[in-house]
Amino acid sequence: MMYFQLLQVIAASCLMTLALVLLLRAVEQRALRWFRRHLSPRYLKPCGVRRRAPQAPQAPAASDTDESV
């Protein structure tokens, strides 16, 4: 294989790789658009451990206090 042929193979490989990357990005964008359209928003939120915020302490009811003197 001549040096010029090697450069042609390298250039062709680069162009085919670039075309493949662009094709995969287009497919990914279409898939994401399809998911956004067909799934409800709760499935697209990032997953993680969700904890409830602690509730504020409630004042004791009047019947619970011992105010008999």
C-alpha atoms as a PDB file:
ATOM      1  CA  MET A   1       0.000   0.000   0.000  1.00  0.00           C
ATOM      2  CA  MET A   2       1.346   3.365  -1.003  1.00  0.00           C
ATOM      3  CA  TYR A   3       1.417   6.339   1.361  1.00  0.00           C
ATOM      4  CA  PHE A   4      -1.174   8.207  -0.704  1.00  0.00           C
ATOM      5  CA  GLN A   5      -3.534   5.216  -0.559  1.00  0.00           C
ATOM      6  CA  LEU A   6      -3.093   5.052   3.208  1.00  0.00           C
ATOM      7  CA  LEU A   7      -4.076   8.719   3.472  1.00  0.00           C
ATOM      8  CA  GLN A   8      -7.151   8.030   1.322  1.00  0.00           C
ATOM      9  CA  VAL A   9      -8.193   5.176   3.612  1.00  0.00           C
ATOM     10  CA  ILE A  10      -7.712   7.381   6.684  1.00  0.00           C
ATOM     11  CA  ALA A  11      -9.757  10.211   5.103  1.00  0.00           C
ATOM     12  CA  ALA A  12     -12.531   7.834   4.058  1.00  0.00           C
ATOM     13  CA  SER A  13     -12.609   6.349   7.543  1.00  0.00           C
ATOM     14  CA  CYS A  14     -12.878   9.812   9.109  1.00  0.00           C
ATOM     15  CA  LEU A  15     -15.708  10.816   6.789  1.00  0.00           C
ATOM     16  CA  MET A  16     -17.638   7.609   7.438  1.00  0.00           C
ATOM     17  CA  THR A  17     -17.170   8.009  11.191  1.00  0.00           C
ATOM     18  CA  LEU A  18     -18.432  11.594  11.018  1.00  0.00           C
ATOM     19  CA  ALA A  19     -21.461  10.496   8.978  1.00  0.00           C
ATOM     20  CA  LEU A  20     -22.205   7.732  11.504  1.00  0.00           C
ATOM     21  CA  VAL A  21     -21.989  10.161  14.439  1.00  0.00           C
ATOM     22  CA  LEU A  22     -24.356  12.616  12.739  1.00  0.00           C
ATOM     23  CA  LEU A  23     -26.787   9.813  11.949  1.00  0.00           C
ATOM     24  CA  LEU A  24     -26.751   8.551  15.530  1.00  0.00           C
ATOM     25  CA  ARG A  25     -27.347  12.064  16.893  1.00  0.00           C
ATOM     26  CA  ALA A  26     -30.327  12.492  14.568  1.00  0.00           C
ATOM     27  CA  VAL A  27     -31.773   9.155  15.700  1.00  0.00           C
ATOM     28  CA  GLU A  28     -31.214  10.124  19.344  1.00  0.00           C
ATOM     29  CA  GLN A  29     -33.002  13.456  18.860  1.00  0.00           C
ATOM     30  CA  ARG A  30     -35.960  11.718  17.198  1.00  0.00           C
ATOM     31  CA  ALA A  31     -36.166   9.179  20.022  1.00  0.00           C
ATOM     32  CA  LEU A  32     -36.066  11.901  22.676  1.00  0.00           C
ATOM     33  CA  ARG A  33     -38.753  13.859  20.858  1.00  0.00           C
ATOM     34  CA  TRP A  34     -40.912  10.715  20.667  1.00  0.00           C
ATOM     35  CA  PHE A  35     -40.452  10.022  24.393  1.00  0.00           C
ATOM     36  CA  ARG A  36     -41.308  13.600  25.315  1.00  0.00           C
ATOM     37  CA  ARG A  37     -44.451  13.423  23.234  1.00  0.00           C
ATOM     38  CA  HIS A  38     -45.677  10.014  24.436  1.00  0.00           C
ATOM     39  CA  LEU A  39     -44.598   9.835  28.060  1.00  0.00           C
ATOM     40  CA  SER A  40     -45.930  11.957  30.842  1.00  0.00           C
ATOM     41  CA  PRO A  41     -43.497  14.473  32.380  1.00  0.00           C
ATOM     42  CA  ARG A  42     -42.942  12.472  35.566  1.00  0.00           C
ATOM     43  CA  TYR A  43     -40.986   9.821  33.640  1.00  0.00           C
ATOM     44  CA  LEU A  44     -38.558  12.395  32.299  1.00  0.00           C
ATOM     45  CA  LYS A  45     -37.515  13.833  35.648  1.00  0.00           C
ATOM     46  CA  PRO A  46     -34.100  12.794  36.968  1.00  0.00           C
ATOM     47  CA  CYS A  47     -34.361   9.897  39.372  1.00  0.00           C
ATOM     48  CA  GLY A  48     -33.132  10.144  42.902  1.00  0.00           C
ATOM     49  CA  VAL A  49     -34.140   9.617  46.476  1.00  0.00           C
ATOM     50  CA  ARG A  50     -37.010  11.919  47.252  1.00  0.00           C
ATOM     51  CA  ARG A  51     -37.833  12.620  50.856  1.00  0.00           C
ATOM     52  CA  ARG A  52     -40.726  14.562  52.236  1.00  0.00           C
ATOM     53  CA  ALA A  53     -39.987  17.798  53.991  1.00  0.00           C
ATOM     54  CA  PRO A  54     -40.443  17.470  57.744  1.00  0.00           C
ATOM     55  CA  GLN A  55     -43.745  18.856  58.911  1.00  0.00           C
ATOM     56  CA  ALA A  56     -43.802  21.768  61.302  1.00  0.00           C
ATOM     57  CA  PRO A  57     -44.708  20.759  64.868  1.00  0.00           C
ATOM     58  CA  GLN A  58     -48.357  21.355  65.556  1.00  0.00           C
ATOM     59  CA  ALA A  59     -49.577  23.251  68.594  1.00  0.00           C
ATOM     60  CA  PRO A  60     -51.224  20.941  71.134  1.00  0.00           C
ATOM     61  CA  ALA A  61     -55.001  20.977  71.110  1.00  0.00           C
ATOM     62  CA  ALA A  62     -56.864  22.723  73.944  1.00  0.00           C
ATOM     63  CA  SER A  63     -58.159  19.408  75.292  1.00  0.00           C
ATOM     64  CA  ASP A  64     -54.579  18.038  75.577  1.00  0.00           C
ATOM     65  CA  THR A  65     -53.276  20.755  77.866  1.00  0.00           C
ATOM     66  CA  ASP A  66     -53.648  20.426  81.605  1.00  0.00           C
ATOM     67  CA  GLU A  67     -54.738  23.869  82.734  1.00  0.00           C
ATOM     68  CA  SER A  68     -56.776  22.817  85.762  1.00  0.00           C
ATOM     69  CA  VAL A  69     -55.552  24.795  88.777  1.00  0.00           C
END
